[in-house]
């Protein structure tokens, strides 16, 4: 008769008890919870980092903007100098004054003239029939076409005393050393010519001022104003003719067209 065993034979594999399902679900839930908490913490940290970086960037940008504005303002206003810089100027700085170089010389004309001799006027000249005067006033009238008839011959020693309206600081004195009238002339067949070669011309003069000082001036044989620099303050000038010369074929008379002066009244 066969025996029936109700227990497994000795030495066989032990039986495994089944794992309860509730224990596994609980562990998974805890793990997911930790993961969510970690993820939220990471997101929070990342957000704080971003906000902090943004705030610092704005502060830096603002500071850079201020620096840029200051630089631009400095570039517009120009470089500044420290208070102790002697070149910086300031309220107490002394302003250098421009040197007084004086006024530039201008033409100055005597108001009165007194001559030692004047050639008599001609009532009717040959070529035109017009009268012609040789008065002393024509020496300072500014018109080269008329002149002072200083002599009917050699005018050496003739004088002309000229008075200004007041003291004048003279820079130059000058004279046309002969007659520069441009007109018809009988010796030229009534052709219009310059009279200079047909008259005596002045070789040298002396200019005397009211303080007693004087200068001498020599002239070239040219029909133009010739000047000499001077440096004197005076109210009058005396012209003394020292010598004249007579070109070949010229008339034996001395006529001078103009005297001229520059200075500061």
C-alpha atoms as a PDB file:
ATOM      1  CA  UNK A   1       0.000   0.000   0.000  1.00  0.00           C
ATOM      2  CA  UNK A   2       1.455   3.346  -0.968  1.00  0.00           C
ATOM      3  CA  UNK A   3       2.336   5.773   1.771  1.00  0.00           C
ATOM      4  CA  UNK A   4       1.240   9.363   1.417  1.00  0.00           C
ATOM      5  CA  UNK A   5       3.631  11.991   2.836  1.00  0.00           C
ATOM      6  CA  UNK A   6       2.054  15.192   4.075  1.00  0.00           C
ATOM      7  CA  UNK A   7       5.393  17.045   4.553  1.00  0.00           C
ATOM      8  CA  UNK A   8       8.209  17.515   2.061  1.00  0.00           C
ATOM      9  CA  UNK A   9      11.062  15.171   2.396  1.00  0.00           C
ATOM     10  CA  UNK A  10      14.032  16.296   4.471  1.00  0.00           C
ATOM     11  CA  UNK A  11      16.788  18.152   2.538  1.00  0.00           C
ATOM     12  CA  UNK A  12      14.443  19.700  -0.106  1.00  0.00           C
ATOM     13  CA  UNK A  13      14.310  23.454  -0.936  1.00  0.00           C
ATOM     14  CA  UNK A  14      12.639  25.622   1.644  1.00  0.00           C
ATOM     15  CA  UNK A  15       9.459  27.291   0.766  1.00  0.00           C
ATOM     16  CA  UNK A  16       9.542  31.115   0.117  1.00  0.00           C
ATOM     17  CA  UNK A  17       6.939  33.184   1.803  1.00  0.00           C
ATOM     18  CA  UNK A  18       5.203  35.654  -0.532  1.00  0.00           C
ATOM     19  CA  UNK A  19       6.231  39.466  -0.104  1.00  0.00           C
ATOM     20  CA  UNK A  20       3.453  41.710   0.910  1.00  0.00           C
ATOM     21  CA  UNK A  21       2.543  44.202  -1.905  1.00  0.00           C
ATOM     22  CA  UNK A  22       1.893  47.128   0.421  1.00  0.00           C
ATOM     23  CA  UNK A  23       5.550  47.435   1.509  1.00  0.00           C
ATOM     24  CA  UNK A  24       6.889  48.053  -2.088  1.00  0.00           C
ATOM     25  CA  UNK A  25       4.394  50.827  -2.897  1.00  0.00           C
ATOM     26  CA  UNK A  26       5.286  52.706   0.236  1.00  0.00           C
ATOM     27  CA  UNK A  27       8.999  52.807  -0.587  1.00  0.00           C
ATOM     28  CA  UNK A  28       8.334  54.027  -4.141  1.00  0.00           C
ATOM     29  CA  UNK A  29       6.123  56.823  -2.844  1.00  0.00           C
ATOM     30  CA  UNK A  30       8.849  57.978  -0.450  1.00  0.00           C
ATOM     31  CA  UNK A  31      11.449  57.944  -3.244  1.00  0.00           C
ATOM     32  CA  UNK A  32       9.265  60.024  -5.537  1.00  0.00           C
ATOM     33  CA  UNK A  33       8.632  62.492  -2.734  1.00  0.00           C
ATOM     34  CA  UNK A  34      12.347  62.964  -2.112  1.00  0.00           C
ATOM     35  CA  UNK A  35      12.920  63.483  -5.834  1.00  0.00           C
ATOM     36  CA  UNK A  36      10.222  66.150  -6.074  1.00  0.00           C
ATOM     37  CA  UNK A  37      11.609  67.972  -3.025  1.00  0.00           C
ATOM     38  CA  UNK A  38      15.128  67.872  -4.501  1.00  0.00           C
ATOM     39  CA  UNK A  39      13.875  69.123  -7.848  1.00  0.00           C
ATOM     40  CA  UNK A  40      12.004  72.010  -6.229  1.00  0.00           C
ATOM     41  CA  UNK A  41      15.061  72.921  -4.165  1.00  0.00           C
ATOM     42  CA  UNK A  42      17.249  72.875  -7.279  1.00  0.00           C
ATOM     43  CA  UNK A  43      14.799  75.093  -9.182  1.00  0.00           C
ATOM     44  CA  UNK A  44      14.703  77.520  -6.245  1.00  0.00           C
ATOM     45  CA  UNK A  45      18.497  77.732  -6.058  1.00  0.00           C
ATOM     46  CA  UNK A  46      18.742  78.237  -9.835  1.00  0.00           C
ATOM     47  CA  UNK A  47      16.117  81.021  -9.715  1.00  0.00           C
ATOM     48  CA  UNK A  48      17.933  82.786  -6.872  1.00  0.00           C
ATOM     49  CA  UNK A  49      21.201  82.608  -8.804  1.00  0.00           C
ATOM     50  CA  UNK A  50      19.563  84.100 -11.899  1.00  0.00           C
ATOM     51  CA  UNK A  51      17.891  86.905  -9.937  1.00  0.00           C
ATOM     52  CA  UNK A  52      21.112  87.746  -8.112  1.00  0.00           C
ATOM     53  CA  UNK A  53      23.109  87.765 -11.345  1.00  0.00           C
ATOM     54  CA  UNK A  54      20.538  90.018 -12.997  1.00  0.00           C
ATOM     55  CA  UNK A  55      20.576  92.491 -10.086  1.00  0.00           C
ATOM     56  CA  UNK A  56      24.380  92.655 -10.038  1.00  0.00           C
ATOM     57  CA  UNK A  57      24.375  93.151 -13.823  1.00  0.00           C
ATOM     58  CA  UNK A  58      21.998  96.077 -13.520  1.00  0.00           C
ATOM     59  CA  UNK A  59      24.143  97.638 -10.779  1.00  0.00           C
ATOM     60  CA  UNK A  60      27.292  97.181 -12.872  1.00  0.00           C
ATOM     61  CA  UNK A  61      25.531  98.554 -15.940  1.00  0.00           C
ATOM     62  CA  UNK A  62      24.294 101.522 -13.951  1.00  0.00           C
ATOM     63  CA  UNK A  63      27.781 102.181 -12.591  1.00  0.00           C
ATOM     64  CA  UNK A  64      29.263 101.852 -16.078  1.00  0.00           C
ATOM     65  CA  UNK A  65      26.569 104.203 -17.384  1.00  0.00           C
ATOM     66  CA  UNK A  66      27.456 106.724 -14.708  1.00  0.00           C
ATOM     67  CA  UNK A  67      31.132 106.376 -15.532  1.00  0.00           C
ATOM     68  CA  UNK A  68      30.372 106.774 -19.237  1.00  0.00           C
ATOM     69  CA  UNK A  69      28.234 109.870 -18.593  1.00  0.00           C
ATOM     70  CA  UNK A  70      30.984 111.312 -16.452  1.00  0.00           C
ATOM     71  CA  UNK A  71      33.565 110.597 -19.159  1.00  0.00           C
ATOM     72  CA  UNK A  72      31.386 112.150 -21.830  1.00  0.00           C
ATOM     73  CA  UNK A  73      30.788 115.185 -19.627  1.00  0.00           C
ATOM     74  CA  UNK A  74      34.502 115.470 -18.945  1.00  0.00           C
ATOM     75  CA  UNK A  75      35.270 115.216 -22.673  1.00  0.00           C
ATOM     76  CA  UNK A  76      32.761 117.981 -23.387  1.00  0.00           C
ATOM     77  CA  UNK A  77      33.924 120.239 -20.586  1.00  0.00           C
ATOM     78  CA  UNK A  78      37.593 119.649 -21.309  1.00  0.00           C
ATOM     79  CA  UNK A  79      40.359 118.603 -18.918  1.00  0.00           C
ATOM     80  CA  UNK A  80      40.180 119.939 -15.426  1.00  0.00           C
ATOM     81  CA  UNK A  81      43.120 121.222 -13.471  1.00  0.00           C
ATOM     82  CA  UNK A  82      43.731 120.881  -9.747  1.00  0.00           C
ATOM     83  CA  UNK A  83      43.205 123.905  -7.564  1.00  0.00           C
ATOM     84  CA  UNK A  84      46.906 124.165  -6.851  1.00  0.00           C
ATOM     85  CA  UNK A  85      47.883 124.160 -10.517  1.00  0.00           C
ATOM     86  CA  UNK A  86      49.454 127.596 -11.180  1.00  0.00           C
ATOM     87  CA  UNK A  87      48.205 127.446 -14.761  1.00  0.00           C
ATOM     88  CA  UNK A  88      44.648 126.628 -13.751  1.00  0.00           C
ATOM     89  CA  UNK A  89      43.673 130.240 -13.110  1.00  0.00           C
ATOM     90  CA  UNK A  90      40.794 130.994 -10.819  1.00  0.00           C
ATOM     91  CA  UNK A  91      39.186 133.914  -9.110  1.00  0.00           C
ATOM     92  CA  UNK A  92      42.512 135.296  -7.912  1.00  0.00           C
ATOM     93  CA  UNK A  93      44.449 134.599 -11.114  1.00  0.00           C
ATOM     94  CA  UNK A  94      46.160 137.597 -12.697  1.00  0.00           C
ATOM     95  CA  UNK A  95      45.169 138.165 -16.318  1.00  0.00           C
ATOM     96  CA  UNK A  96      48.141 139.046 -18.522  1.00  0.00           C
ATOM     97  CA  UNK A  97      47.601 142.296 -20.348  1.00  0.00           C
ATOM     98  CA  UNK A  98      48.550 142.669 -24.000  1.00  0.00           C
ATOM     99  CA  UNK A  99      51.561 144.922 -24.514  1.00  0.00           C
ATOM    100  CA  UNK A 100      50.760 148.431 -25.584  1.00  0.00           C
ATOM    101  CA  UNK A 101      52.351 148.685 -29.009  1.00  0.00           C
ATOM    102  CA  UNK A 102      50.842 152.106 -29.741  1.00  0.00           C
ATOM    103  CA  UNK A 103      48.737 153.277 -32.616  1.00  0.00           C
ATOM    104  CA  UNK A 104      49.949 152.793 -36.179  1.00  0.00           C
ATOM    105  CA  UNK A 105      51.306 155.961 -37.817  1.00  0.00           C
ATOM    106  CA  UNK A 106      48.925 157.803 -40.132  1.00  0.00           C
ATOM    107  CA  UNK A 107      49.291 160.745 -42.473  1.00  0.00           C
ATOM    108  CA  UNK A 108      49.467 164.024 -40.530  1.00  0.00           C
ATOM    109  CA  UNK A 109      49.242 167.375 -42.294  1.00  0.00           C
ATOM    110  CA  UNK A 110      50.400 170.767 -41.007  1.00  0.00           C
ATOM    111  CA  UNK A 111      47.650 173.342 -40.620  1.00  0.00           C
ATOM    112  CA  UNK A 112      49.786 176.391 -41.427  1.00  0.00           C
ATOM    113  CA  UNK A 113      52.910 177.149 -43.443  1.00  0.00           C
ATOM    114  CA  UNK A 114      55.171 180.192 -43.705  1.00  0.00           C
ATOM    115  CA  UNK A 115      57.779 180.253 -46.488  1.00  0.00           C
ATOM    116  CA  UNK A 116      60.828 182.470 -46.942  1.00  0.00           C
ATOM    117  CA  UNK A 117      60.068 183.041 -50.629  1.00  0.00           C
ATOM    118  CA  UNK A 118      57.444 182.078 -53.206  1.00  0.00           C
ATOM    119  CA  UNK A 119      57.678 182.449 -56.939  1.00  0.00           C
ATOM    120  CA  UNK A 120      55.134 184.910 -58.390  1.00  0.00           C
ATOM    121  CA  UNK A 121      52.088 183.391 -60.065  1.00  0.00           C
ATOM    122  CA  UNK A 122      51.840 183.216 -63.858  1.00  0.00           C
ATOM    123  CA  UNK A 123      48.674 184.805 -65.149  1.00  0.00           C
ATOM    124  CA  UNK A 124      48.617 182.885 -68.420  1.00  0.00           C
ATOM    125  CA  UNK A 125      50.778 179.906 -69.283  1.00  0.00           C
ATOM    126  CA  UNK A 126      51.805 179.528 -72.926  1.00  0.00           C
ATOM    127  CA  UNK A 127      50.135 176.273 -73.919  1.00  0.00           C
ATOM    128  CA  UNK A 128      46.740 176.658 -72.234  1.00  0.00           C
ATOM    129  CA  UNK A 129      46.432 180.342 -71.330  1.00  0.00           C
ATOM    130  CA  UNK A 130      45.473 179.357 -67.760  1.00  0.00           C
ATOM    131  CA  UNK A 131      46.929 181.021 -64.647  1.00  0.00           C
ATOM    132  CA  UNK A 132      49.290 179.043 -62.414  1.00  0.00           C
ATOM    133  CA  UNK A 133      50.212 179.772 -58.773  1.00  0.00           C
ATOM    134  CA  UNK A 134      53.313 178.692 -56.792  1.00  0.00           C
ATOM    135  CA  UNK A 135      52.206 179.484 -53.228  1.00  0.00           C
ATOM    136  CA  UNK A 136      53.700 177.911 -50.138  1.00  0.00           C
ATOM    137  CA  UNK A 137      50.296 176.353 -49.215  1.00  0.00           C
ATOM    138  CA  UNK A 138      50.620 174.130 -52.296  1.00  0.00           C
ATOM    139  CA  UNK A 139      53.527 172.336 -50.598  1.00  0.00           C
ATOM    140  CA  UNK A 140      51.089 170.709 -48.121  1.00  0.00           C
ATOM    141  CA  UNK A 141      47.834 170.539 -50.144  1.00  0.00           C
ATOM    142  CA  UNK A 142      48.211 166.849 -51.075  1.00  0.00           C
ATOM    143  CA  UNK A 143      48.153 167.645 -54.827  1.00  0.00           C
ATOM    144  CA  UNK A 144      51.322 166.677 -56.717  1.00  0.00           C
ATOM    145  CA  UNK A 145      50.150 168.684 -59.743  1.00  0.00           C
ATOM    146  CA  UNK A 146      50.863 171.997 -57.986  1.00  0.00           C
ATOM    147  CA  UNK A 147      53.873 173.111 -55.944  1.00  0.00           C
ATOM    148  CA  UNK A 148      55.786 175.713 -53.971  1.00  0.00           C
ATOM    149  CA  UNK A 149      58.004 177.970 -56.089  1.00  0.00           C
ATOM    150  CA  UNK A 150      60.930 178.124 -53.661  1.00  0.00           C
ATOM    151  CA  UNK A 151      63.183 180.245 -55.895  1.00  0.00           C
ATOM    152  CA  UNK A 152      63.604 181.742 -59.357  1.00  0.00           C
ATOM    153  CA  UNK A 153      67.047 180.122 -59.286  1.00  0.00           C
ATOM    154  CA  UNK A 154      68.998 177.959 -56.822  1.00  0.00           C
ATOM    155  CA  UNK A 155      66.798 177.606 -53.728  1.00  0.00           C
ATOM    156  CA  UNK A 156      69.603 176.688 -51.323  1.00  0.00           C
ATOM    157  CA  UNK A 157      68.834 178.393 -48.002  1.00  0.00           C
ATOM    158  CA  UNK A 158      65.067 178.740 -48.628  1.00  0.00           C
ATOM    159  CA  UNK A 159      62.864 177.683 -45.704  1.00  0.00           C
ATOM    160  CA  UNK A 160      59.291 176.580 -45.005  1.00  0.00           C
ATOM    161  CA  UNK A 161      57.982 176.638 -41.404  1.00  0.00           C
ATOM    162  CA  UNK A 162      55.022 174.250 -40.901  1.00  0.00           C
ATOM    163  CA  UNK A 163      52.776 174.131 -37.840  1.00  0.00           C
ATOM    164  CA  UNK A 164      50.598 171.189 -36.716  1.00  0.00           C
ATOM    165  CA  UNK A 165      47.425 171.670 -34.664  1.00  0.00           C
ATOM    166  CA  UNK A 166      49.217 170.205 -31.637  1.00  0.00           C
ATOM    167  CA  UNK A 167      52.056 167.895 -30.624  1.00  0.00           C
ATOM    168  CA  UNK A 168      52.554 165.000 -33.061  1.00  0.00           C
ATOM    169  CA  UNK A 169      54.789 161.949 -32.632  1.00  0.00           C
ATOM    170  CA  UNK A 170      56.360 161.865 -36.084  1.00  0.00           C
ATOM    171  CA  UNK A 171      57.394 158.573 -37.696  1.00  0.00           C
ATOM    172  CA  UNK A 172      58.490 159.835 -41.137  1.00  0.00           C
ATOM    173  CA  UNK A 173      59.214 163.075 -42.976  1.00  0.00           C
ATOM    174  CA  UNK A 174      59.272 163.284 -46.752  1.00  0.00           C
ATOM    175  CA  UNK A 175      59.500 165.445 -49.866  1.00  0.00           C
ATOM    176  CA  UNK A 176      59.120 165.209 -53.613  1.00  0.00           C
ATOM    177  CA  UNK A 177      62.462 166.768 -54.566  1.00  0.00           C
ATOM    178  CA  UNK A 178      61.120 168.712 -57.546  1.00  0.00           C
ATOM    179  CA  UNK A 179      58.103 169.609 -59.642  1.00  0.00           C
ATOM    180  CA  UNK A 180      55.968 166.608 -60.686  1.00  0.00           C
ATOM    181  CA  UNK A 181      53.206 168.518 -62.452  1.00  0.00           C
ATOM    182  CA  UNK A 182      51.759 166.657 -65.467  1.00  0.00           C
ATOM    183  CA  UNK A 183      50.627 169.230 -68.059  1.00  0.00           C
ATOM    184  CA  UNK A 184      51.299 170.653 -71.551  1.00  0.00           C
ATOM    185  CA  UNK A 185      54.681 172.393 -71.654  1.00  0.00           C
ATOM    186  CA  UNK A 186      56.009 174.863 -74.186  1.00  0.00           C
ATOM    187  CA  UNK A 187      59.547 173.388 -74.209  1.00  0.00           C
ATOM    188  CA  UNK A 188      58.002 170.020 -75.147  1.00  0.00           C
ATOM    189  CA  UNK A 189      55.984 171.515 -78.026  1.00  0.00           C
ATOM    190  CA  UNK A 190      52.936 171.816 -75.736  1.00  0.00           C
ATOM    191  CA  UNK A 191      52.853 168.047 -75.279  1.00  0.00           C
ATOM    192  CA  UNK A 192      51.682 166.758 -71.886  1.00  0.00           C
ATOM    193  CA  UNK A 193      54.801 165.870 -69.922  1.00  0.00           C
ATOM    194  CA  UNK A 194      56.051 165.697 -66.335  1.00  0.00           C
ATOM    195  CA  UNK A 195      57.783 168.951 -65.391  1.00  0.00           C
ATOM    196  CA  UNK A 196      60.489 167.277 -63.244  1.00  0.00           C
ATOM    197  CA  UNK A 197      63.289 167.223 -65.855  1.00  0.00           C
ATOM    198  CA  UNK A 198      62.567 170.863 -66.789  1.00  0.00           C
ATOM    199  CA  UNK A 199      63.215 172.349 -63.308  1.00  0.00           C
ATOM    200  CA  UNK A 200      65.912 172.275 -60.660  1.00  0.00           C
ATOM    201  CA  UNK A 201      65.574 169.436 -58.149  1.00  0.00           C
ATOM    202  CA  UNK A 202      66.487 169.333 -54.462  1.00  0.00           C
ATOM    203  CA  UNK A 203      69.549 167.318 -53.460  1.00  0.00           C
ATOM    204  CA  UNK A 204      69.398 167.703 -49.661  1.00  0.00           C
ATOM    205  CA  UNK A 205      67.340 169.340 -46.906  1.00  0.00           C
ATOM    206  CA  UNK A 206      67.340 169.697 -43.131  1.00  0.00           C
ATOM    207  CA  UNK A 207      64.246 169.012 -41.017  1.00  0.00           C
ATOM    208  CA  UNK A 208      64.276 170.917 -37.693  1.00  0.00           C
ATOM    209  CA  UNK A 209      61.794 170.246 -34.853  1.00  0.00           C
ATOM    210  CA  UNK A 210      60.562 172.497 -32.055  1.00  0.00           C
ATOM    211  CA  UNK A 211      62.880 170.925 -29.455  1.00  0.00           C
ATOM    212  CA  UNK A 212      65.879 172.070 -31.541  1.00  0.00           C
ATOM    213  CA  UNK A 213      66.743 168.593 -32.860  1.00  0.00           C
ATOM    214  CA  UNK A 214      67.116 168.034 -36.600  1.00  0.00           C
ATOM    215  CA  UNK A 215      67.793 165.409 -39.269  1.00  0.00           C
ATOM    216  CA  UNK A 216      69.132 165.773 -42.788  1.00  0.00           C
ATOM    217  CA  UNK A 217      67.790 163.979 -45.835  1.00  0.00           C
ATOM    218  CA  UNK A 218      69.340 163.432 -49.252  1.00  0.00           C
ATOM    219  CA  UNK A 219      67.344 162.699 -52.423  1.00  0.00           C
ATOM    220  CA  UNK A 220      67.712 160.717 -55.608  1.00  0.00           C
ATOM    221  CA  UNK A 221      66.844 162.410 -58.885  1.00  0.00           C
ATOM    222  CA  UNK A 222      63.432 160.733 -59.084  1.00  0.00           C
ATOM    223  CA  UNK A 223      60.011 162.420 -59.443  1.00  0.00           C
ATOM    224  CA  UNK A 224      58.371 160.745 -56.437  1.00  0.00           C
ATOM    225  CA  UNK A 225      57.867 161.126 -52.705  1.00  0.00           C
ATOM    226  CA  UNK A 226      60.992 160.109 -50.782  1.00  0.00           C
ATOM    227  CA  UNK A 227      60.754 159.637 -47.004  1.00  0.00           C
ATOM    228  CA  UNK A 228      63.026 159.353 -43.984  1.00  0.00           C
ATOM    229  CA  UNK A 229      62.153 157.677 -40.641  1.00  0.00           C
ATOM    230  CA  UNK A 230      62.252 159.827 -37.502  1.00  0.00           C
ATOM    231  CA  UNK A 231      61.177 159.446 -33.883  1.00  0.00           C
ATOM    232  CA  UNK A 232      60.301 162.806 -32.391  1.00  0.00           C
ATOM    233  CA  UNK A 233      57.333 164.557 -30.822  1.00  0.00           C
ATOM    234  CA  UNK A 234      56.872 168.075 -32.129  1.00  0.00           C
ATOM    235  CA  UNK A 235      54.310 170.750 -32.940  1.00  0.00           C
ATOM    236  CA  UNK A 236      56.256 172.211 -35.846  1.00  0.00           C
ATOM    237  CA  UNK A 237      58.720 171.290 -38.579  1.00  0.00           C
ATOM    238  CA  UNK A 238      61.086 173.655 -40.375  1.00  0.00           C
ATOM    239  CA  UNK A 239      62.274 172.655 -43.838  1.00  0.00           C
ATOM    240  CA  UNK A 240      65.588 174.172 -44.963  1.00  0.00           C
ATOM    241  CA  UNK A 241      66.839 173.497 -48.485  1.00  0.00           C
ATOM    242  CA  UNK A 242      70.576 172.742 -48.364  1.00  0.00           C
ATOM    243  CA  UNK A 243      71.347 172.221 -52.056  1.00  0.00           C
ATOM    244  CA  UNK A 244      69.746 171.860 -55.482  1.00  0.00           C
ATOM    245  CA  UNK A 245      70.915 170.770 -58.924  1.00  0.00           C
ATOM    246  CA  UNK A 246      69.974 171.950 -62.423  1.00  0.00           C
ATOM    247  CA  UNK A 247      69.624 169.239 -65.092  1.00  0.00           C
ATOM    248  CA  UNK A 248      71.001 170.101 -68.524  1.00  0.00           C
ATOM    249  CA  UNK A 249      68.535 172.230 -70.475  1.00  0.00           C
ATOM    250  CA  UNK A 250      66.254 172.810 -67.478  1.00  0.00           C
ATOM    251  CA  UNK A 251      64.854 176.166 -66.370  1.00  0.00           C
ATOM    252  CA  UNK A 252      66.801 177.882 -63.618  1.00  0.00           C
ATOM    253  CA  UNK A 253      64.090 177.777 -60.935  1.00  0.00           C
ATOM    254  CA  UNK A 254      63.169 175.488 -58.030  1.00  0.00           C
ATOM    255  CA  UNK A 255      59.618 174.225 -57.550  1.00  0.00           C
ATOM    256  CA  UNK A 256      58.724 171.477 -55.033  1.00  0.00           C
ATOM    257  CA  UNK A 257      55.417 169.650 -55.399  1.00  0.00           C
ATOM    258  CA  UNK A 258      54.794 168.191 -51.941  1.00  0.00           C
ATOM    259  CA  UNK A 259      55.971 167.618 -48.368  1.00  0.00           C
ATOM    260  CA  UNK A 260      54.435 164.782 -46.352  1.00  0.00           C
ATOM    261  CA  UNK A 261      54.529 163.420 -42.791  1.00  0.00           C
ATOM    262  CA  UNK A 262      53.293 160.350 -40.907  1.00  0.00           C
ATOM    263  CA  UNK A 263      52.894 159.999 -37.178  1.00  0.00           C
ATOM    264  CA  UNK A 264      50.523 159.730 -34.237  1.00  0.00           C
ATOM    265  CA  UNK A 265      48.544 162.840 -33.223  1.00  0.00           C
END
